[in-house]
N, C-alpha and C. Protein backbone atom coordinates (compact mmCIF):
# COMPACT_ATOMS: atom_id res chain seq x y z
N PRO A 1 102.32 78.32 106.54
CA PRO A 1 101.89 78.63 108.06
C PRO A 1 102.16 80.07 108.33
N MET A 2 101.34 80.61 109.16
CA MET A 2 101.41 81.83 109.64
C MET A 2 102.70 82.10 110.58
N SER A 3 103.27 83.15 110.50
CA SER A 3 104.44 83.41 111.65
C SER A 3 103.83 83.74 112.92
N PRO A 4 104.61 83.35 114.05
CA PRO A 4 104.04 83.85 115.43
C PRO A 4 103.41 85.24 115.35
N LEU A 5 104.06 86.13 114.95
CA LEU A 5 103.63 87.58 114.87
C LEU A 5 102.21 87.61 114.02
N ARG A 6 102.11 87.12 112.91
CA ARG A 6 100.72 87.00 112.19
C ARG A 6 99.71 86.44 113.11
N ARG A 7 100.16 85.16 113.59
CA ARG A 7 99.05 84.56 114.27
C ARG A 7 98.48 85.40 115.54
N ARG A 8 99.39 86.08 116.21
CA ARG A 8 99.10 86.85 117.44
C ARG A 8 98.40 88.04 116.83
N ILE A 9 98.70 88.71 115.90
CA ILE A 9 97.92 89.84 115.19
C ILE A 9 96.38 89.15 114.97
N ALA A 10 96.24 88.30 114.20
CA ALA A 10 94.87 87.56 114.07
C ALA A 10 94.06 87.40 115.47
N GLU A 11 94.69 86.76 116.25
CA GLU A 11 94.16 86.38 117.49
C GLU A 11 93.42 87.92 118.23
N ARG A 12 94.58 88.87 118.31
CA ARG A 12 94.09 90.29 118.84
C ARG A 12 93.07 90.83 118.11
N LEU A 13 93.01 90.87 116.76
CA LEU A 13 92.02 91.43 115.95
C LEU A 13 90.69 90.64 116.31
N LEU A 14 90.71 89.42 116.55
CA LEU A 14 89.25 88.78 116.47
C LEU A 14 89.08 89.06 118.07
N MET A 15 89.92 89.38 119.18
CA MET A 15 89.68 89.49 120.42
C MET A 15 89.04 90.95 120.50
N VAL A 16 89.69 91.89 119.82
CA VAL A 16 89.22 93.39 119.75
C VAL A 16 87.86 93.33 119.38
N ARG A 17 87.47 92.77 118.19
CA ARG A 17 86.38 92.80 117.47
C ARG A 17 85.26 92.44 118.56
N GLN A 18 85.56 91.27 119.38
CA GLN A 18 84.51 90.82 120.16
C GLN A 18 84.24 91.63 121.43
N THR A 19 85.16 92.36 121.79
CA THR A 19 85.21 93.09 123.11
C THR A 19 85.21 94.61 123.11
N THR A 20 85.19 95.02 121.96
CA THR A 20 84.97 96.66 121.69
C THR A 20 84.01 97.11 120.83
N ALA A 21 83.67 98.34 121.20
CA ALA A 21 82.77 98.91 120.30
C ALA A 21 83.63 99.65 119.25
N MET A 22 83.49 99.30 118.01
CA MET A 22 84.10 99.83 116.78
C MET A 22 83.29 100.62 115.96
N LEU A 23 83.86 101.81 115.51
CA LEU A 23 83.18 102.79 114.90
C LEU A 23 84.23 103.22 113.67
N THR A 24 83.81 103.47 112.44
CA THR A 24 84.66 104.01 111.54
C THR A 24 83.82 105.35 111.22
N THR A 25 84.77 106.34 111.10
CA THR A 25 84.05 107.79 110.58
C THR A 25 84.97 108.34 109.64
N PHE A 26 84.64 109.04 108.73
CA PHE A 26 85.60 109.81 107.82
C PHE A 26 85.07 111.15 107.96
N ASN A 27 86.16 111.88 108.38
CA ASN A 27 86.01 113.49 108.23
C ASN A 27 87.07 114.05 107.51
N GLU A 28 86.65 115.25 107.13
CA GLU A 28 87.92 115.98 106.39
C GLU A 28 88.26 117.13 107.28
N ALA A 29 89.47 117.18 107.16
CA ALA A 29 90.09 118.55 108.13
C ALA A 29 91.08 119.26 107.25
N ASP A 30 91.06 120.32 107.41
CA ASP A 30 92.01 121.24 106.82
C ASP A 30 93.30 121.28 107.46
N MET A 31 94.25 120.56 106.48
CA MET A 31 95.66 120.49 107.10
C MET A 31 96.64 121.59 106.38
N SER A 32 95.93 122.42 105.81
CA SER A 32 96.97 123.43 105.01
C SER A 32 97.92 124.18 105.99
N ALA A 33 97.32 124.41 107.14
CA ALA A 33 98.44 125.17 108.16
C ALA A 33 99.38 124.41 108.54
N ILE A 34 99.07 123.01 108.77
CA ILE A 34 100.10 122.02 109.17
C ILE A 34 101.04 121.71 107.91
N ILE A 35 100.66 121.79 106.65
CA ILE A 35 101.49 121.47 105.56
C ILE A 35 102.37 122.50 105.26
N ALA A 36 101.91 123.83 105.68
CA ALA A 36 102.66 125.12 105.36
C ALA A 36 103.77 125.07 106.52
N LEU A 37 103.35 124.83 107.73
CA LEU A 37 104.39 124.58 108.90
C LEU A 37 105.55 123.67 108.64
N ARG A 38 105.10 122.51 108.14
CA ARG A 38 106.06 121.48 107.70
C ARG A 38 106.88 121.91 106.41
N LYS A 39 106.38 122.62 105.57
CA LYS A 39 107.25 123.22 104.56
C LYS A 39 108.17 124.37 105.07
N GLU A 40 107.71 125.29 105.94
CA GLU A 40 108.42 126.22 106.38
C GLU A 40 109.50 125.61 107.36
N LEU A 41 109.16 124.73 108.11
CA LEU A 41 110.25 124.48 109.26
C LEU A 41 110.88 123.08 109.15
N GLY A 42 110.21 122.38 108.12
CA GLY A 42 110.84 120.84 108.05
C GLY A 42 112.20 120.72 107.96
N GLU A 43 112.80 121.52 107.15
CA GLU A 43 114.35 121.19 107.05
C GLU A 43 115.29 121.51 108.34
N ALA A 44 114.92 122.77 108.97
CA ALA A 44 115.30 122.97 110.14
C ALA A 44 114.99 122.09 111.31
N PHE A 45 113.79 121.43 111.44
CA PHE A 45 113.57 120.66 112.28
C PHE A 45 114.30 119.29 112.18
N GLN A 46 114.55 118.80 111.04
CA GLN A 46 115.16 117.51 110.68
C GLN A 46 116.68 117.81 111.13
N LYS A 47 117.29 118.96 110.86
CA LYS A 47 118.64 119.14 111.23
C LYS A 47 118.73 119.36 112.67
N LYS A 48 117.83 119.84 113.41
CA LYS A 48 117.90 120.04 114.73
C LYS A 48 117.64 118.77 115.57
N HIS A 49 116.68 117.94 114.99
CA HIS A 49 116.11 116.84 115.73
C HIS A 49 116.63 115.25 115.18
N GLY A 50 117.26 115.35 113.93
CA GLY A 50 117.83 114.31 113.39
C GLY A 50 116.45 113.21 112.93
N VAL A 51 115.20 113.82 112.63
CA VAL A 51 114.17 113.13 112.21
C VAL A 51 113.04 114.05 111.46
N LYS A 52 112.40 113.62 110.71
CA LYS A 52 111.55 114.59 109.62
C LYS A 52 110.26 114.83 110.74
N LEU A 53 109.73 115.80 110.38
CA LEU A 53 108.56 116.31 110.85
C LEU A 53 107.47 115.93 109.94
N GLY A 54 106.77 114.82 110.60
CA GLY A 54 105.63 114.05 109.95
C GLY A 54 104.26 114.54 110.44
N PHE A 55 103.43 113.95 109.67
CA PHE A 55 102.04 114.47 110.01
C PHE A 55 101.56 113.86 111.55
N MET A 56 102.19 112.57 111.74
CA MET A 56 101.76 111.79 112.87
C MET A 56 101.95 112.19 114.21
N SER A 57 103.00 113.21 114.20
CA SER A 57 103.25 113.92 115.72
C SER A 57 101.98 114.82 115.95
N PHE A 58 101.61 115.49 114.83
CA PHE A 58 100.34 116.40 114.87
C PHE A 58 99.07 115.64 115.20
N PHE A 59 98.87 114.40 114.57
CA PHE A 59 97.59 113.58 115.01
C PHE A 59 97.90 113.22 116.48
N VAL A 60 99.07 112.73 116.86
CA VAL A 60 99.23 112.24 118.36
C VAL A 60 98.80 113.34 119.32
N LYS A 61 99.28 114.55 118.96
CA LYS A 61 99.22 115.72 119.89
C LYS A 61 97.51 116.20 119.84
N ALA A 62 96.92 115.94 118.67
CA ALA A 62 95.58 116.29 118.63
C ALA A 62 94.57 115.47 119.33
N VAL A 63 94.95 114.06 119.26
CA VAL A 63 94.43 113.02 119.86
C VAL A 63 94.52 113.11 121.42
N VAL A 64 95.68 113.49 121.90
CA VAL A 64 95.71 113.51 123.26
C VAL A 64 95.07 114.69 123.97
N GLN A 65 94.95 115.83 123.04
CA GLN A 65 94.21 116.92 123.50
C GLN A 65 92.56 116.51 123.51
N ALA A 66 92.20 115.88 122.50
CA ALA A 66 90.78 115.52 122.59
C ALA A 66 90.44 114.43 123.49
N LEU A 67 91.49 113.44 123.83
CA LEU A 67 91.18 112.69 124.94
C LEU A 67 91.04 113.33 126.36
N LYS A 68 91.81 114.33 126.67
CA LYS A 68 91.74 115.22 127.72
C LYS A 68 90.44 115.96 127.80
N GLU A 69 89.98 116.36 126.64
CA GLU A 69 88.63 117.09 126.80
C GLU A 69 87.43 116.17 126.70
N ILE A 70 87.56 114.91 126.28
CA ILE A 70 86.56 113.81 126.31
C ILE A 70 87.04 112.78 127.04
N PRO A 71 87.23 112.56 128.24
CA PRO A 71 87.95 111.48 128.88
C PRO A 71 87.12 110.22 128.72
N GLU A 72 85.68 110.12 128.20
CA GLU A 72 85.29 108.86 127.98
C GLU A 72 85.80 108.13 126.72
N LEU A 73 86.53 108.96 125.78
CA LEU A 73 87.28 108.19 124.65
C LEU A 73 88.50 107.58 125.18
N ASN A 74 89.09 108.01 126.33
CA ASN A 74 90.16 107.32 126.99
C ASN A 74 89.84 106.24 128.09
N ALA A 75 88.61 105.55 127.81
CA ALA A 75 88.17 104.75 129.00
C ALA A 75 87.95 103.37 128.34
N GLU A 76 87.62 102.47 129.41
CA GLU A 76 87.26 101.14 128.92
C GLU A 76 86.42 100.35 130.03
N ILE A 77 85.51 99.56 129.50
CA ILE A 77 84.69 98.96 130.44
C ILE A 77 85.22 97.64 130.83
N ARG A 78 85.31 97.43 132.21
CA ARG A 78 85.60 96.21 132.74
C ARG A 78 84.46 96.04 133.65
N ASP A 79 83.95 94.74 133.25
CA ASP A 79 82.76 94.04 134.05
C ASP A 79 81.64 95.27 133.96
N ASN A 80 81.01 95.82 135.13
CA ASN A 80 80.19 96.72 135.14
C ASN A 80 80.72 98.27 135.31
N THR A 81 81.98 98.32 135.19
CA THR A 81 82.59 99.52 135.44
C THR A 81 83.25 100.26 134.41
N ILE A 82 83.29 101.55 134.38
CA ILE A 82 83.95 102.48 133.47
C ILE A 82 85.26 102.77 134.12
N LEU A 83 86.23 102.33 133.41
CA LEU A 83 87.69 102.80 133.84
C LEU A 83 88.26 103.81 132.97
N TYR A 84 88.43 105.00 133.66
CA TYR A 84 89.06 106.08 133.01
C TYR A 84 90.62 106.26 133.15
N HIS A 85 91.25 106.24 132.01
CA HIS A 85 92.71 106.07 132.12
C HIS A 85 93.11 107.69 132.31
N ARG A 86 93.96 107.93 133.16
CA ARG A 86 94.36 109.17 133.33
C ARG A 86 95.90 109.23 132.80
N TYR A 87 96.21 108.71 131.87
CA TYR A 87 97.66 108.56 131.13
C TYR A 87 97.11 108.23 129.61
N TYR A 88 98.12 108.65 128.77
CA TYR A 88 97.90 108.90 127.37
C TYR A 88 98.90 107.86 126.59
N ASP A 89 98.63 106.51 126.54
CA ASP A 89 99.47 105.54 125.74
C ASP A 89 98.77 105.42 124.40
N ILE A 90 99.40 106.00 123.41
CA ILE A 90 98.66 106.07 122.10
C ILE A 90 99.26 104.98 121.17
N GLY A 91 98.68 104.07 120.68
CA GLY A 91 98.89 103.20 119.66
C GLY A 91 99.00 103.68 118.40
N VAL A 92 100.17 103.52 117.55
CA VAL A 92 100.28 104.19 116.21
C VAL A 92 100.73 103.15 115.29
N ALA A 93 99.85 102.80 114.26
CA ALA A 93 100.01 101.75 113.45
C ALA A 93 101.23 102.09 112.49
N VAL A 94 102.17 101.14 112.31
CA VAL A 94 103.32 101.36 111.50
C VAL A 94 103.34 100.17 110.63
N GLY A 95 103.93 100.42 109.22
CA GLY A 95 103.96 99.13 108.43
C GLY A 95 105.26 98.36 108.81
N GLY A 96 105.18 97.12 108.96
CA GLY A 96 106.21 96.10 109.28
C GLY A 96 106.04 95.29 107.79
N GLY A 97 107.04 94.37 108.19
CA GLY A 97 107.20 93.50 107.15
C GLY A 97 105.92 92.50 106.79
N GLU A 98 105.19 92.34 107.67
CA GLU A 98 104.03 91.28 107.54
C GLU A 98 102.69 92.14 107.72
N GLY A 99 102.69 93.59 107.40
CA GLY A 99 101.47 94.26 107.65
C GLY A 99 101.64 95.23 108.85
N LEU A 100 100.62 95.91 109.17
CA LEU A 100 100.50 96.98 110.22
C LEU A 100 100.63 96.34 111.46
N VAL A 101 101.55 96.81 112.28
CA VAL A 101 101.48 96.64 113.76
C VAL A 101 101.29 97.99 114.48
N VAL A 102 100.92 97.78 115.65
CA VAL A 102 100.55 98.94 116.63
C VAL A 102 101.48 99.04 117.80
N PRO A 103 102.44 99.57 117.67
CA PRO A 103 103.61 99.90 119.03
C PRO A 103 102.72 100.95 119.67
N VAL A 104 103.07 101.17 120.93
CA VAL A 104 102.42 102.20 121.89
C VAL A 104 103.43 103.29 122.32
N ILE A 105 103.12 104.54 121.91
CA ILE A 105 103.93 105.56 122.36
C ILE A 105 103.37 105.73 123.97
N ARG A 106 104.16 105.36 124.94
CA ARG A 106 103.75 105.61 126.38
C ARG A 106 103.91 107.07 126.76
N ASP A 107 102.92 107.71 127.48
CA ASP A 107 102.90 109.00 127.92
C ASP A 107 103.01 110.05 126.99
N ALA A 108 102.28 109.83 125.99
CA ALA A 108 102.48 110.76 124.62
C ALA A 108 102.27 112.19 125.13
N ASP A 109 101.31 112.35 126.14
CA ASP A 109 101.08 113.77 126.54
C ASP A 109 102.35 114.53 127.10
N ARG A 110 103.34 113.74 127.35
CA ARG A 110 104.53 114.27 127.94
C ARG A 110 105.72 114.41 126.82
N LEU A 111 105.40 114.00 125.84
CA LEU A 111 106.57 114.02 124.75
C LEU A 111 106.27 115.30 123.81
N SER A 112 107.45 115.72 123.29
CA SER A 112 107.48 116.96 122.15
C SER A 112 107.24 116.32 120.78
N PHE A 113 107.01 116.87 119.92
CA PHE A 113 107.03 116.60 118.50
C PHE A 113 108.13 115.81 118.18
N ALA A 114 109.27 116.08 118.38
CA ALA A 114 110.58 115.68 118.06
C ALA A 114 110.51 114.02 118.76
N GLU A 115 110.32 114.08 119.93
CA GLU A 115 110.39 112.72 120.64
C GLU A 115 109.35 111.91 119.92
N ILE A 116 107.94 112.39 119.88
CA ILE A 116 107.01 111.63 119.28
C ILE A 116 107.54 110.89 117.76
N GLU A 117 108.04 111.63 116.90
CA GLU A 117 108.73 111.51 115.67
C GLU A 117 109.73 110.47 115.76
N ARG A 118 110.61 110.55 116.66
CA ARG A 118 111.78 109.83 116.96
C ARG A 118 111.17 108.25 117.30
N GLN A 119 110.17 108.40 118.11
CA GLN A 119 109.57 106.96 118.63
C GLN A 119 109.08 106.34 117.45
N ILE A 120 108.21 107.12 116.68
CA ILE A 120 107.62 106.56 115.33
C ILE A 120 108.56 106.01 114.50
N ALA A 121 109.61 106.68 114.17
CA ALA A 121 110.61 106.15 113.14
C ALA A 121 111.43 104.99 113.79
N ASP A 122 111.65 105.02 115.08
CA ASP A 122 112.30 103.65 115.70
C ASP A 122 111.26 102.43 115.67
N PHE A 123 110.10 102.81 116.01
CA PHE A 123 109.17 101.67 115.81
C PHE A 123 108.94 101.02 114.43
N ALA A 124 109.02 102.07 113.32
CA ALA A 124 108.91 101.59 112.01
C ALA A 124 110.05 100.75 111.52
N GLU A 125 111.01 101.27 111.97
CA GLU A 125 112.44 100.58 111.65
C GLU A 125 112.51 99.31 112.21
N ARG A 126 112.26 99.13 113.63
CA ARG A 126 112.39 97.87 114.09
C ARG A 126 111.08 96.99 113.78
N ALA A 127 110.05 97.35 113.18
CA ALA A 127 108.91 96.72 112.90
C ALA A 127 109.43 96.12 111.59
N ARG A 128 110.13 96.95 110.65
CA ARG A 128 110.61 96.16 109.41
C ARG A 128 111.57 95.16 109.71
N ASN A 129 112.36 95.12 110.70
CA ASN A 129 113.31 94.22 111.05
C ASN A 129 113.00 93.17 112.01
N LYS A 130 111.73 93.22 112.21
CA LYS A 130 111.10 92.35 113.52
C LYS A 130 111.71 92.34 114.78
N LYS A 131 112.08 93.47 115.17
CA LYS A 131 112.85 93.66 116.37
C LYS A 131 111.74 94.32 117.57
N LEU A 132 110.53 94.33 117.55
CA LEU A 132 109.74 94.98 118.22
C LEU A 132 109.52 93.92 119.46
N LYS A 133 109.29 94.35 120.66
CA LYS A 133 108.94 93.58 121.69
C LYS A 133 107.61 93.52 121.96
N PRO A 134 107.08 92.32 122.27
CA PRO A 134 105.85 92.10 122.61
C PRO A 134 105.06 93.23 123.76
N ASP A 135 105.81 93.72 124.58
CA ASP A 135 105.16 94.57 125.47
C ASP A 135 105.03 96.01 124.84
N GLU A 136 105.88 96.27 123.74
CA GLU A 136 105.54 97.51 122.86
C GLU A 136 104.28 97.63 122.12
N LEU A 137 103.62 96.26 122.10
CA LEU A 137 102.47 96.30 121.34
C LEU A 137 101.18 96.12 122.04
N MET A 138 101.49 96.36 123.54
CA MET A 138 100.14 96.29 124.25
C MET A 138 99.92 97.31 125.22
N GLY A 139 98.75 97.59 125.50
CA GLY A 139 98.23 98.39 126.54
C GLY A 139 98.07 100.02 126.17
N GLY A 140 97.94 100.00 124.91
CA GLY A 140 97.36 101.38 124.32
C GLY A 140 96.11 101.67 124.84
N THR A 141 95.89 103.16 125.13
CA THR A 141 94.41 103.59 125.66
C THR A 141 93.75 103.88 124.30
N PHE A 142 94.30 104.22 123.23
CA PHE A 142 93.67 104.80 122.00
C PHE A 142 94.72 104.37 120.77
N THR A 143 94.25 104.21 119.64
CA THR A 143 94.95 103.90 118.47
C THR A 143 94.73 104.78 117.34
N ILE A 144 95.77 105.14 116.69
CA ILE A 144 95.65 105.90 115.52
C ILE A 144 96.23 104.90 114.41
N THR A 145 95.18 104.61 113.41
CA THR A 145 95.62 103.68 112.36
C THR A 145 96.43 104.47 111.09
N ASN A 146 96.75 103.88 110.10
CA ASN A 146 97.52 104.64 108.90
C ASN A 146 97.56 103.58 107.78
N GLY A 147 96.31 103.24 107.22
CA GLY A 147 96.23 102.44 105.95
C GLY A 147 97.04 103.02 104.84
N GLY A 148 97.35 104.24 105.00
CA GLY A 148 97.74 105.07 103.89
C GLY A 148 99.17 104.45 103.46
N VAL A 149 99.97 103.73 104.59
CA VAL A 149 101.24 103.32 103.97
C VAL A 149 101.30 102.01 102.95
N TYR A 150 99.90 101.51 102.78
CA TYR A 150 99.56 100.49 101.65
C TYR A 150 98.89 101.31 100.56
N GLY A 151 98.88 102.35 100.56
CA GLY A 151 98.10 103.11 99.49
C GLY A 151 96.67 103.22 99.46
N SER A 152 96.14 102.93 100.69
CA SER A 152 94.83 103.31 101.07
C SER A 152 94.60 104.49 101.27
N LEU A 153 93.30 105.22 100.59
CA LEU A 153 92.88 106.29 100.91
C LEU A 153 91.91 106.41 102.11
N ASN A 154 91.10 105.54 102.10
CA ASN A 154 90.20 105.14 103.21
C ASN A 154 90.25 103.70 103.82
N SER A 155 90.08 103.48 104.98
CA SER A 155 90.08 102.18 105.26
C SER A 155 89.52 102.02 106.83
N THR A 156 88.93 100.84 107.09
CA THR A 156 88.52 100.49 108.33
C THR A 156 89.32 99.24 108.89
N PRO A 157 90.00 99.72 109.93
CA PRO A 157 90.89 98.62 110.63
C PRO A 157 90.29 97.48 111.05
């Protein structure tokens, strides 16, 4: 039998598929500047903030900037109305014991790189220990997935 978490994930995936426009695109991005920055500052960042400087905080910051520039990407349709969100609650997929879960970084636009990295590390740890709360998995306005934690180079969530 499925655990309550797996059952809820399955229900939500089906609901999302039925209620959202889904699109997968694959783009290449030159990450060399970020890789060099992480190499140069990674150790000092970890000493100062107690967390590694990963790629995900860069992705979150880039997504927030894009959502500000193209507000339609941070909107939803309710009935016959387009609802534009004026906040940036970004879902970030993390590997849990039973697969990917998507906790939400609230007000991501107000957080520093270190705060984002700490939240992601905390979410990942609590996902592995099955300690995430249901409200932490709801209400995101945009989601960044990460199939790479399972060795996937390309994936469609």
